[in-house]
Amino acid sequence: MAEPTRTPEGKLPVAPVAPEETLPWLEELPPRKIVAELDRYIVGQEVAKKAVAIAVRNRWRRSQAPEDIRDEILPNNIIMIGPTGVGKTEIARRLARLAGAPFLKVEASKFTEVGYVGRDVESMVRELVDVAINMVRTEREDDVYPQAEARAEERLLDLLLPPTPTHPTAAPPHPPQGAGSAEQGAASRPLFVVSSKGDVTPAASEADVEAQERRRRTREKLRQQLKEGTLEEREVEIEVQQQGFPGLEMMQPPQGMEGTDVNFTELLQEMLPKKKKRRTVHLHEARRILVDEELKKLVDMDDVVNESLDRVENHGVIFIDEIDKIAGERGTVGPDVSREGVQRDLLPIVEGSTVQTRYGFVRTDHILFIAAGAFHATKPSDLIPELQGRFPIRVELQPLTEADFVRIMTEPENALTKQYAALCAAEGATLEFTHDGIKEIARIAAKANERMENIGARRLHTVMTTLLEDVLFDLPELAEKRIKFDADKVRDRLGKIVDDEDLRRYIL
């Protein structure tokens, strides 16, 4: 059965989309396969991958449970503990991208307690709804894009060849008196055609038929030129909706809305009447504008909103980074609006509450919350006990070793070596790394992490950037387009920096 689907050559560009069509949700995969999908991009951290795989699979299991107990099954929120650069954020991001679920990453240190100037914790739910709206609308637009393109093409043809105005049939003049008046009057009377349904339409004359045929041939010729792209620079005049009103950006929100994330200017623009103006643009820009207009007509936004709210409530993932920054010693004197106050505000959101958004009310009972923090200066027990109870699953991520760095540069599909090879290929050059060269880069990165701050896999970015700086700068003028790095060449370029403590501190 699979053989015929791989045979047609024309279907090759569509091949990457096929897995998403057959498996729209990562939740439908067993946990072992979810871990295998994460292994394609993330090295190590098997304990963390196992925990998130179980949490994601449990959402599918919940959807299969009887309705009387379905609402009682709450997600087991996860807190990841580990130094920076070991893959905490990447695990959550890849998980959401593979699952096709609404995903939002926020930093806990950006929030303040309700009543103070800043972002309140409910804004994360509103932002997650916006993410879901954009995701579902994009999916709907992809489904109807060919239809929108066809409609936009017809409108472009109308602009290039405006329709001929239809003149009303004039009343026939009074026939002259005398002989032959009956024959002349009969010839001057208009003819009508009656259809089987009883519709009466005036019969077209031969001249009208010939003009319509000429117009049809001209329209088809223009259509062919449109498809060939020979009219892209021709200017056409179209009517577009005016974007915004001058002066609205300077208006202040009313009292009571200062601390919220509601876009007051956007709300005003939605309430004010829409103004249109005529613009003269090139045909390729007119096509883009018309396609956007047709997509808005074809996509039912009510259906998009309903689907988005359902995805947020049942499949949404919120990743709260830097949660250790709001942990601290309790009992301090004075208000602590960015620490314990934020923790208290997080409690009802994580436990389950109803948040008002501009698209409707959203329940957070079944949103999966994944928190992460390095916990260098603090520890998870410094969080208030109530918040600790909202994150029952604790996963500790291990620091990366030199062997892990070697795997990071070779195994993932988006490995750094592959990324830089693609950048060099844009200049027509070939970039290669030998195995001992990769091991030397990993050794230098691990050594830099030991002697300075341990920033995990991000150290590889600094080492690779320093190693390839001269190559990328001189690449357009290089005569030799084949660049190969082995261990000796890596040591030759980075040895001086690694041995000099001052250089290493500021460069690596």
Protein backbone atom coordinates (compact mmCIF):
# COMPACT_ATOMS: atom_id res chain seq x y z
CA MET A 1 0.00 0.00 0.00
CA ALA A 2 2.84 2.39 0.78
CA GLU A 3 4.67 1.83 -2.50
CA PRO A 4 2.28 3.74 -4.81
CA THR A 5 2.31 6.80 -2.54
CA ARG A 6 6.09 7.12 -2.89
CA THR A 7 6.19 6.59 -6.64
CA PRO A 8 4.83 9.90 -8.09
CA GLU A 9 7.56 12.48 -8.50
CA GLY A 10 5.16 15.41 -8.23
CA LYS A 11 4.22 14.44 -4.68
CA LEU A 12 7.76 14.74 -3.31
CA PRO A 13 7.47 18.34 -1.97
CA VAL A 14 4.36 17.34 -0.02
CA ALA A 15 6.10 14.44 1.70
CA PRO A 16 7.16 16.32 4.90
CA VAL A 17 3.51 17.25 5.54
CA ALA A 18 2.32 13.64 5.44
CA PRO A 19 3.26 12.74 9.06
CA GLU A 20 1.27 15.74 10.33
CA GLU A 21 -1.78 14.64 8.37
CA THR A 22 -1.67 11.06 9.63
CA LEU A 23 -0.65 11.97 13.20
CA PRO A 24 -1.97 15.46 13.95
CA TRP A 25 -1.35 15.07 17.67
CA LEU A 26 1.77 13.75 19.32
CA GLU A 27 -0.53 12.56 22.13
CA GLU A 28 -1.62 9.65 19.95
CA LEU A 29 1.89 8.19 19.98
CA PRO A 30 2.97 5.85 22.79
CA PRO A 31 5.47 7.37 25.24
CA ARG A 32 8.39 5.40 23.79
CA LYS A 33 7.81 6.91 20.35
CA ILE A 34 7.42 10.39 21.85
CA VAL A 35 10.87 10.00 23.40
CA ALA A 36 12.20 8.79 20.05
CA GLU A 37 10.84 11.95 18.39
CA LEU A 38 12.53 14.12 21.01
CA ASP A 39 15.79 12.19 20.54
CA ARG A 40 15.96 13.55 16.99
CA TYR A 41 16.66 17.02 18.38
CA ILE A 42 17.77 16.65 22.01
CA VAL A 43 20.70 14.63 23.33
CA GLY A 44 20.50 12.89 26.69
CA GLN A 45 18.16 13.86 29.56
CA GLU A 46 16.24 10.61 29.32
CA VAL A 47 14.51 11.13 32.68
CA ALA A 48 13.05 14.47 31.60
CA LYS A 49 11.96 13.11 28.21
CA LYS A 50 10.26 10.17 29.90
CA ALA A 51 8.36 12.47 32.28
CA VAL A 52 7.04 14.78 29.56
CA ALA A 53 6.17 11.82 27.32
CA ILE A 54 4.00 10.34 30.06
CA ALA A 55 2.36 13.73 30.70
CA VAL A 56 1.53 14.16 27.00
CA ARG A 57 0.23 10.62 26.57
CA ASN A 58 -1.98 11.06 29.64
CA ARG A 59 -3.89 13.77 27.78
CA TRP A 60 -4.88 11.28 25.10
CA ARG A 61 -5.74 8.75 27.78
CA ARG A 62 -7.95 11.34 29.46
CA SER A 63 -9.82 11.98 26.20
CA GLN A 64 -10.61 8.25 26.02
CA ALA A 65 -11.88 8.06 29.59
CA PRO A 66 -15.63 8.06 30.40
CA GLU A 67 -17.21 11.51 30.48
CA ASP A 68 -18.23 11.26 34.11
CA ILE A 69 -14.59 11.06 35.23
CA ARG A 70 -12.88 12.93 32.39
CA ASP A 71 -13.05 16.34 34.06
CA GLU A 72 -11.66 14.90 37.28
CA ILE A 73 -8.39 13.77 35.66
CA LEU A 74 -6.01 16.70 36.07
CA PRO A 75 -2.58 16.98 34.44
CA ASN A 76 0.55 16.30 36.46
CA ASN A 77 2.51 19.51 36.07
CA ILE A 78 6.28 19.16 35.86
CA ILE A 79 9.12 21.20 37.31
CA MET A 80 12.54 20.77 35.68
CA ILE A 81 15.63 21.42 37.76
CA GLY A 82 19.01 21.81 36.16
CA PRO A 83 21.74 24.27 35.13
CA THR A 84 21.33 26.53 32.13
CA GLY A 85 21.94 25.13 28.67
CA VAL A 86 21.10 21.48 29.41
CA GLY A 87 17.88 21.38 27.35
CA LYS A 88 15.00 22.40 29.63
CA THR A 89 13.49 24.95 27.26
CA GLU A 90 14.31 22.89 24.18
CA ILE A 91 12.43 19.86 25.50
CA ALA A 92 9.27 21.87 26.06
CA ARG A 93 9.56 23.74 22.75
CA ARG A 94 10.16 20.63 20.66
CA LEU A 95 7.39 18.80 22.48
CA ALA A 96 4.86 21.49 21.64
CA ARG A 97 6.07 21.85 18.05
CA LEU A 98 5.84 18.12 17.43
CA ALA A 99 2.45 17.91 19.11
CA GLY A 100 0.92 20.79 17.17
CA ALA A 101 -0.42 22.10 20.47
CA PRO A 102 -0.65 25.76 21.51
CA PHE A 103 2.61 26.49 23.32
CA LEU A 104 3.76 29.58 25.20
CA LYS A 105 7.06 30.27 26.94
CA VAL A 106 7.05 32.92 29.65
CA GLU A 107 9.56 34.03 32.24
CA ALA A 108 8.33 34.09 35.81
CA SER A 109 10.57 37.05 36.67
CA LYS A 110 8.60 39.29 34.26
CA PHE A 111 5.39 39.10 36.32
CA THR A 112 4.34 41.25 39.25
CA GLU A 113 1.62 40.91 41.84
CA VAL A 114 -1.86 42.10 40.89
CA GLY A 115 -2.32 45.78 41.66
CA TYR A 116 1.21 46.82 40.68
CA VAL A 117 2.42 48.15 37.36
CA GLY A 118 3.60 45.26 35.21
CA ARG A 119 2.31 42.00 33.77
CA ASP A 120 -0.12 39.93 35.77
CA VAL A 121 -0.01 36.15 35.60
CA GLU A 122 -3.38 35.89 33.80
CA SER A 123 -1.75 37.48 30.75
CA MET A 124 -0.01 34.16 29.99
CA VAL A 125 -3.40 32.53 29.36
CA ARG A 126 -4.50 35.39 27.11
CA GLU A 127 -1.25 35.13 25.14
CA LEU A 128 -1.74 31.37 24.81
CA VAL A 129 -5.18 32.00 23.32
CA ASP A 130 -3.65 34.41 20.80
CA VAL A 131 -1.10 31.73 19.86
CA ALA A 132 -3.90 29.20 19.35
CA ILE A 133 -5.94 31.66 17.26
CA ASN A 134 -2.99 32.25 14.94
CA MET A 135 -2.28 28.52 14.73
CA VAL A 136 -5.84 27.47 13.87
CA ARG A 137 -6.37 30.39 11.48
CA THR A 138 -3.18 29.46 9.63
CA GLU A 139 -4.41 25.87 9.30
CA ARG A 140 -7.78 27.03 7.98
CA GLU A 141 -6.10 29.43 5.54
CA ASP A 142 -3.85 26.66 4.24
CA ASP A 143 -6.93 24.56 3.52
CA VAL A 144 -8.65 27.27 1.44
CA TYR A 145 -5.55 28.93 -0.01
CA PRO A 146 -6.01 27.49 -3.54
CA GLN A 147 -9.59 28.76 -3.56
CA ALA A 148 -8.48 32.19 -2.34
CA GLU A 149 -5.80 32.31 -5.06
CA ALA A 150 -8.38 31.49 -7.73
CA ARG A 151 -10.71 34.22 -6.48
CA ALA A 152 -7.85 36.74 -6.31
CA GLU A 153 -6.87 35.84 -9.89
CA GLU A 154 -10.39 36.58 -11.10
CA ARG A 155 -10.32 39.94 -9.34
CA LEU A 156 -6.95 40.72 -10.89
CA LEU A 157 -8.35 39.93 -14.33
CA ASP A 158 -11.25 42.30 -13.61
CA LEU A 159 -8.69 45.01 -12.78
CA LEU A 160 -6.68 44.36 -15.93
CA LEU A 161 -9.76 44.03 -18.14
CA PRO A 162 -12.65 45.93 -16.55
CA PRO A 163 -16.10 44.54 -17.40
CA THR A 164 -18.02 46.39 -20.11
CA PRO A 165 -20.95 48.41 -18.76
CA THR A 166 -24.36 46.99 -19.61
CA HIS A 167 -26.58 49.57 -21.27
CA PRO A 168 -30.35 49.33 -20.73
CA THR A 169 -32.34 48.36 -23.76
CA ALA A 170 -33.66 51.55 -25.37
CA ALA A 171 -37.30 51.80 -26.34
CA PRO A 172 -37.77 51.36 -30.08
CA PRO A 173 -38.68 54.54 -32.00
CA HIS A 174 -42.18 54.95 -33.37
CA PRO A 175 -42.40 53.30 -36.77
CA PRO A 176 -43.02 55.72 -39.62
CA GLN A 177 -46.47 55.86 -41.14
CA GLY A 178 -47.05 54.37 -44.51
CA ALA A 179 -46.29 51.22 -46.37
CA GLY A 180 -43.67 48.92 -44.99
CA SER A 181 -44.04 50.28 -41.46
CA ALA A 182 -45.16 46.88 -40.15
CA GLU A 183 -42.07 45.12 -41.49
CA GLN A 184 -39.70 47.82 -40.15
CA GLY A 185 -41.38 47.76 -36.76
CA ALA A 186 -41.02 44.00 -36.53
CA ALA A 187 -37.34 44.23 -37.41
CA SER A 188 -36.69 46.93 -34.80
CA ARG A 189 -38.38 45.14 -31.92
CA PRO A 190 -35.91 43.47 -29.48
CA LEU A 191 -35.93 39.70 -29.28
CA PHE A 192 -36.28 37.82 -25.97
CA VAL A 193 -35.40 34.29 -24.91
CA VAL A 194 -37.61 32.44 -22.44
CA SER A 195 -35.91 29.66 -20.44
CA SER A 196 -37.57 26.49 -19.20
CA LYS A 197 -37.95 28.13 -15.77
CA GLY A 198 -39.77 31.10 -17.24
CA ASP A 199 -36.84 33.56 -17.04
CA VAL A 200 -36.93 36.13 -19.82
CA THR A 201 -33.60 37.49 -21.09
CA PRO A 202 -32.95 39.68 -24.12
CA ALA A 203 -31.36 37.78 -26.98
CA ALA A 204 -27.82 38.92 -27.79
CA SER A 205 -27.12 40.24 -31.22
CA GLU A 206 -24.33 38.89 -33.38
CA ALA A 207 -22.20 41.96 -32.62
CA ASP A 208 -22.62 41.38 -28.88
CA VAL A 209 -21.74 37.71 -29.22
CA GLU A 210 -18.61 38.57 -31.19
CA ALA A 211 -17.60 41.21 -28.61
CA GLN A 212 -18.08 38.74 -25.77
CA GLU A 213 -15.99 36.15 -27.57
CA ARG A 214 -13.21 38.70 -28.14
CA ARG A 215 -13.34 39.65 -24.48
CA ARG A 216 -13.19 36.01 -23.43
CA ARG A 217 -10.10 35.39 -25.58
CA THR A 218 -8.41 38.52 -24.21
CA ARG A 219 -9.20 37.44 -20.64
CA GLU A 220 -7.73 33.98 -21.21
CA LYS A 221 -4.62 35.54 -22.73
CA LEU A 222 -4.22 37.76 -19.67
CA ARG A 223 -4.77 34.74 -17.43
CA GLN A 224 -1.95 32.91 -19.19
CA GLN A 225 0.33 35.92 -18.80
CA LEU A 226 -0.53 36.05 -15.10
CA LYS A 227 0.48 32.42 -14.66
CA GLU A 228 3.71 32.99 -16.59
CA GLY A 229 4.53 36.03 -14.42
CA THR A 230 5.00 38.49 -17.28
CA LEU A 231 2.66 41.10 -15.75
CA GLU A 232 4.15 41.26 -12.26
CA GLU A 233 5.46 44.82 -12.62
CA ARG A 234 2.31 46.27 -14.16
CA GLU A 235 0.58 48.83 -11.93
CA VAL A 236 -3.08 48.45 -10.99
CA GLU A 237 -5.38 50.50 -8.80
CA ILE A 238 -7.10 48.68 -5.96
CA GLU A 239 -9.22 49.63 -2.99
CA VAL A 240 -7.63 48.72 0.36
CA GLN A 241 -8.68 49.14 3.95
CA GLN A 242 -6.87 51.94 5.73
CA GLN A 243 -4.52 50.64 8.41
CA GLY A 244 -5.21 52.38 11.70
CA PHE A 245 -5.93 56.01 12.45
CA PRO A 246 -3.26 58.61 13.18
CA GLY A 247 -3.15 59.72 16.79
CA LEU A 248 -4.62 56.58 18.34
CA GLU A 249 -1.18 55.39 19.45
CA MET A 250 -0.86 58.44 21.69
CA MET A 251 -4.10 57.77 23.56
CA GLN A 252 -3.87 56.38 27.06
CA PRO A 253 -6.01 53.47 28.29
CA PRO A 254 -8.79 54.30 30.72
CA GLN A 255 -8.33 53.90 34.43
CA GLY A 256 -8.36 50.26 35.48
CA MET A 257 -6.77 48.96 32.25
CA GLU A 258 -3.20 50.18 32.84
CA GLY A 259 -1.94 46.94 34.34
CA THR A 260 -3.55 44.60 31.83
CA ASP A 261 -2.22 43.36 28.51
CA VAL A 262 -5.36 44.37 26.59
CA ASN A 263 -4.36 46.31 23.48
CA PHE A 264 -6.42 49.45 23.97
CA THR A 265 -5.45 50.91 20.59
CA GLU A 266 -6.48 47.70 18.82
CA LEU A 267 -9.85 47.70 20.60
CA LEU A 268 -10.50 51.27 19.51
CA GLN A 269 -9.59 50.49 15.91
CA GLU A 270 -12.04 47.59 15.90
CA MET A 271 -14.82 49.85 17.17
CA LEU A 272 -14.21 52.72 14.74
CA PRO A 273 -15.62 52.50 11.20
CA LYS A 274 -13.33 51.02 8.59
CA LYS A 275 -12.10 53.48 5.98
CA LYS A 276 -11.02 52.47 2.50
CA LYS A 277 -8.73 54.22 0.07
CA ARG A 278 -7.50 53.57 -3.44
CA ARG A 279 -3.87 52.70 -4.00
CA THR A 280 -1.78 52.13 -7.09
CA VAL A 281 0.45 49.12 -6.57
CA HIS A 282 2.36 46.59 -8.62
CA LEU A 283 0.46 43.51 -9.61
CA HIS A 284 2.43 41.14 -7.36
CA GLU A 285 1.58 43.27 -4.33
CA ALA A 286 -2.05 43.55 -5.46
CA ARG A 287 -2.20 39.74 -5.63
CA ARG A 288 -0.97 39.46 -2.04
CA ILE A 289 -3.53 42.03 -0.82
CA LEU A 290 -6.39 40.36 -2.68
CA VAL A 291 -5.43 36.88 -1.49
CA ASP A 292 -5.43 38.14 2.12
CA GLU A 293 -8.87 39.66 1.62
CA GLU A 294 -10.24 36.45 0.12
CA LEU A 295 -8.75 34.38 2.94
CA LYS A 296 -10.57 36.55 5.48
CA LYS A 297 -13.82 35.97 3.62
CA LEU A 298 -13.33 32.20 3.34
CA VAL A 299 -12.20 31.53 6.92
CA ASP A 300 -14.99 31.42 9.49
CA MET A 301 -13.51 33.21 12.51
CA ASP A 302 -16.25 31.96 14.85
CA ASP A 303 -15.20 28.40 14.05
CA VAL A 304 -11.54 29.38 14.49
CA VAL A 305 -12.21 30.87 17.93
CA ASN A 306 -14.19 27.84 19.09
CA GLU A 307 -11.49 25.42 17.93
CA SER A 308 -8.74 27.58 19.46
CA LEU A 309 -10.39 27.79 22.87
CA ASP A 310 -10.88 24.02 22.86
CA ARG A 311 -7.22 23.44 22.00
CA VAL A 312 -6.06 25.81 24.72
CA GLU A 313 -8.21 24.18 27.39
CA ASN A 314 -7.41 20.57 26.46
CA HIS A 315 -4.03 20.66 24.71
CA GLY A 316 -2.34 23.92 25.75
CA VAL A 317 1.20 23.92 27.18
CA ILE A 318 2.65 26.83 29.19
CA PHE A 319 6.36 26.71 29.94
CA ILE A 320 7.28 28.92 32.92
CA ASP A 321 11.00 29.55 32.79
CA GLU A 322 13.17 31.09 35.51
CA ILE A 323 10.78 29.99 38.23
CA ASP A 324 13.72 29.92 40.65
CA LYS A 325 13.91 33.73 40.33
CA ILE A 326 10.60 34.12 42.19
CA ALA A 327 11.68 31.73 44.96
CA GLY A 328 13.31 33.16 48.07
CA GLU A 329 13.36 33.21 51.80
CA ARG A 330 9.94 33.77 53.26
CA GLY A 331 9.18 36.15 56.05
CA THR A 332 11.00 39.18 54.66
CA VAL A 333 9.73 42.59 55.69
CA GLY A 334 7.80 44.69 53.18
CA PRO A 335 6.03 43.85 49.93
CA ASP A 336 7.72 41.43 47.57
CA VAL A 337 5.67 41.99 44.44
CA SER A 338 7.95 40.00 42.14
CA ARG A 339 8.51 36.92 44.28
CA GLU A 340 6.05 35.54 46.81
CA GLY A 341 3.25 37.74 45.45
CA VAL A 342 3.68 36.22 42.00
CA GLN A 343 3.69 32.74 43.50
CA ARG A 344 0.37 33.42 45.20
CA ASP A 345 -1.10 34.68 41.94
CA LEU A 346 0.16 31.60 40.10
CA LEU A 347 -1.67 29.25 42.46
CA PRO A 348 -5.21 29.59 41.05
CA ILE A 349 -3.97 29.64 37.44
CA VAL A 350 -2.00 26.41 37.81
CA GLU A 351 -4.60 24.72 39.98
CA GLY A 352 -7.47 25.60 37.65
CA SER A 353 -9.51 28.75 37.26
CA THR A 354 -11.44 30.69 34.64
CA VAL A 355 -9.64 33.54 32.86
CA GLN A 356 -11.42 36.15 30.80
CA THR A 357 -9.96 36.83 27.36
CA ARG A 358 -11.25 38.93 24.49
CA TYR A 359 -12.36 35.72 22.77
CA GLY A 360 -14.26 34.33 25.74
CA PHE A 361 -13.65 32.59 29.04
CA VAL A 362 -10.91 29.95 29.28
CA ARG A 363 -10.60 27.28 31.95
CA THR A 364 -7.04 26.42 32.95
CA ASP A 365 -7.85 23.12 34.69
CA HIS A 366 -6.35 20.92 31.97
CA ILE A 367 -3.55 23.16 30.64
CA LEU A 368 -0.17 21.47 31.14
CA PHE A 369 2.28 23.69 33.04
CA ILE A 370 5.99 22.91 32.83
CA ALA A 371 8.23 25.02 35.06
CA ALA A 372 12.00 25.17 34.90
CA GLY A 373 14.79 26.78 36.82
CA ALA A 374 18.50 26.44 37.48
CA PHE A 375 18.07 26.87 41.27
CA HIS A 376 21.67 27.97 41.79
CA ALA A 377 21.00 30.32 44.71
CA THR A 378 17.70 28.75 45.78
CA LYS A 379 16.09 25.33 45.88
CA PRO A 380 12.60 24.07 44.98
CA SER A 381 11.66 23.91 48.66
CA ASP A 382 12.02 27.72 48.81
CA LEU A 383 8.80 28.00 46.79
CA ILE A 384 5.68 28.38 48.92
CA PRO A 385 4.28 24.94 49.83
CA GLU A 386 1.03 25.47 47.93
CA LEU A 387 2.89 26.11 44.67
CA GLN A 388 5.15 23.11 45.24
CA GLY A 389 2.04 20.98 45.45
CA ARG A 390 0.86 22.25 42.05
CA PHE A 391 4.00 20.76 40.45
CA PRO A 392 4.03 17.17 41.75
CA ILE A 393 6.51 15.84 39.15
CA ARG A 394 10.12 16.93 39.72
CA VAL A 395 12.79 16.09 37.17
CA GLU A 396 16.47 16.82 37.61
CA LEU A 397 18.46 17.34 34.41
CA GLN A 398 22.11 16.37 34.42
CA PRO A 399 24.96 18.70 33.40
CA LEU A 400 26.36 18.02 29.96
CA THR A 401 29.70 16.27 29.60
CA GLU A 402 32.30 16.28 26.85
CA ALA A 403 30.80 13.11 25.37
CA ASP A 404 27.40 14.81 25.31
CA PHE A 405 28.89 17.73 23.37
CA VAL A 406 30.20 15.33 20.73
CA ARG A 407 26.74 13.83 20.34
CA ILE A 408 25.11 17.29 20.24
CA MET A 409 27.30 18.28 17.29
CA THR A 410 26.67 15.10 15.31
CA GLU A 411 23.37 13.37 16.13
CA PRO A 412 20.48 15.91 16.13
CA GLU A 413 18.87 16.88 12.85
CA ASN A 414 19.63 20.55 13.61
CA ALA A 415 23.20 19.99 14.84
CA LEU A 416 25.51 23.01 14.86
CA THR A 417 27.88 21.44 12.34
CA LYS A 418 24.97 20.95 9.91
CA GLN A 419 23.80 24.53 10.44
CA TYR A 420 27.21 26.02 9.63
CA ALA A 421 27.60 23.68 6.67
CA ALA A 422 24.32 25.02 5.29
CA LEU A 423 25.52 28.61 5.77
CA CYS A 424 28.72 27.87 3.87
CA ALA A 425 26.82 26.05 1.13
CA ALA A 426 25.00 29.32 0.40
CA GLU A 427 28.36 30.70 -0.77
CA GLY A 428 29.08 27.59 -2.82
CA ALA A 429 31.57 26.23 -0.26
CA THR A 430 31.76 22.88 1.51
CA LEU A 431 32.41 22.77 5.27
CA GLU A 432 33.54 19.49 6.86
CA PHE A 433 34.51 18.45 10.38
CA THR A 434 36.51 15.33 11.08
CA HIS A 435 35.65 13.19 14.08
CA ASP A 436 38.78 14.23 15.98
CA GLY A 437 38.02 17.87 15.11
CA ILE A 438 34.56 17.58 16.67
CA LYS A 439 36.07 15.89 19.74
CA GLU A 440 38.54 18.75 20.11
CA ILE A 441 35.75 21.34 19.91
CA ALA A 442 33.82 19.40 22.57
CA ARG A 443 36.92 19.24 24.79
CA ILE A 444 37.48 22.98 24.55
CA ALA A 445 33.81 23.72 25.30
CA ALA A 446 33.78 21.40 28.32
CA LYS A 447 37.04 22.89 29.58
CA ALA A 448 35.64 26.43 29.25
CA ASN A 449 32.55 25.41 31.22
CA GLU A 450 34.72 23.99 33.99
CA ARG A 451 36.97 27.05 34.31
CA MET A 452 34.16 29.60 34.00
CA GLU A 453 30.41 29.64 34.35
CA ASN A 454 28.78 26.43 33.19
CA ILE A 455 26.39 27.56 30.43
CA GLY A 456 25.89 24.08 29.04
CA ALA A 457 25.44 23.52 25.32
CA ARG A 458 25.37 27.26 24.68
CA ARG A 459 29.15 27.19 25.10
CA LEU A 460 29.32 25.32 21.79
CA HIS A 461 27.87 28.37 20.06
CA THR A 462 30.64 30.63 21.40
CA VAL A 463 33.37 28.13 20.50
CA MET A 464 32.02 27.52 16.99
CA THR A 465 31.54 31.25 16.36
CA THR A 466 35.13 31.98 17.38
CA LEU A 467 36.44 29.05 15.34
CA LEU A 468 34.65 30.03 12.12
CA GLU A 469 34.81 33.81 12.43
CA ASP A 470 37.63 34.33 9.90
CA VAL A 471 36.28 31.66 7.56
CA LEU A 472 32.81 33.19 7.37
CA PHE A 473 34.27 36.67 6.90
CA ASP A 474 36.59 35.69 4.02
CA LEU A 475 34.31 33.04 2.51
CA PRO A 476 33.11 35.04 -0.57
CA GLU A 477 36.73 35.72 -1.65
CA LEU A 478 38.21 32.33 -0.78
CA ALA A 479 39.72 30.52 -3.75
CA GLU A 480 39.48 27.13 -2.04
CA LYS A 481 35.80 26.39 -1.46
CA ARG A 482 36.41 23.16 0.46
CA ILE A 483 37.04 23.86 4.14
CA LYS A 484 37.98 21.01 6.48
CA PHE A 485 38.58 21.21 10.23
CA ASP A 486 40.53 18.51 12.03
CA ALA A 487 41.88 18.47 15.58
CA ASP A 488 45.17 20.20 14.65
CA LYS A 489 43.40 23.02 12.82
CA VAL A 490 40.97 23.52 15.73
CA ARG A 491 43.84 23.67 18.24
CA ASP A 492 45.75 26.05 15.98
CA ARG A 493 42.84 28.50 15.87
CA LEU A 494 41.64 28.20 19.49
CA GLY A 495 44.75 27.14 21.42
CA LYS A 496 45.92 30.67 22.18
CA ILE A 497 42.50 31.72 23.44
CA VAL A 498 42.06 28.63 25.62
CA ASP A 499 45.49 29.00 27.25
CA ASP A 500 45.16 32.76 27.89
CA GLU A 501 42.83 33.24 30.86
CA ASP A 502 41.93 36.84 30.00
CA LEU A 503 41.16 36.03 26.36
CA ARG A 504 39.17 32.96 27.36
CA ARG A 505 37.08 34.94 29.83
CA TYR A 506 36.05 37.56 27.30
CA ILE A 507 35.85 35.51 24.10
CA LEU A 508 34.70 32.05 25.17
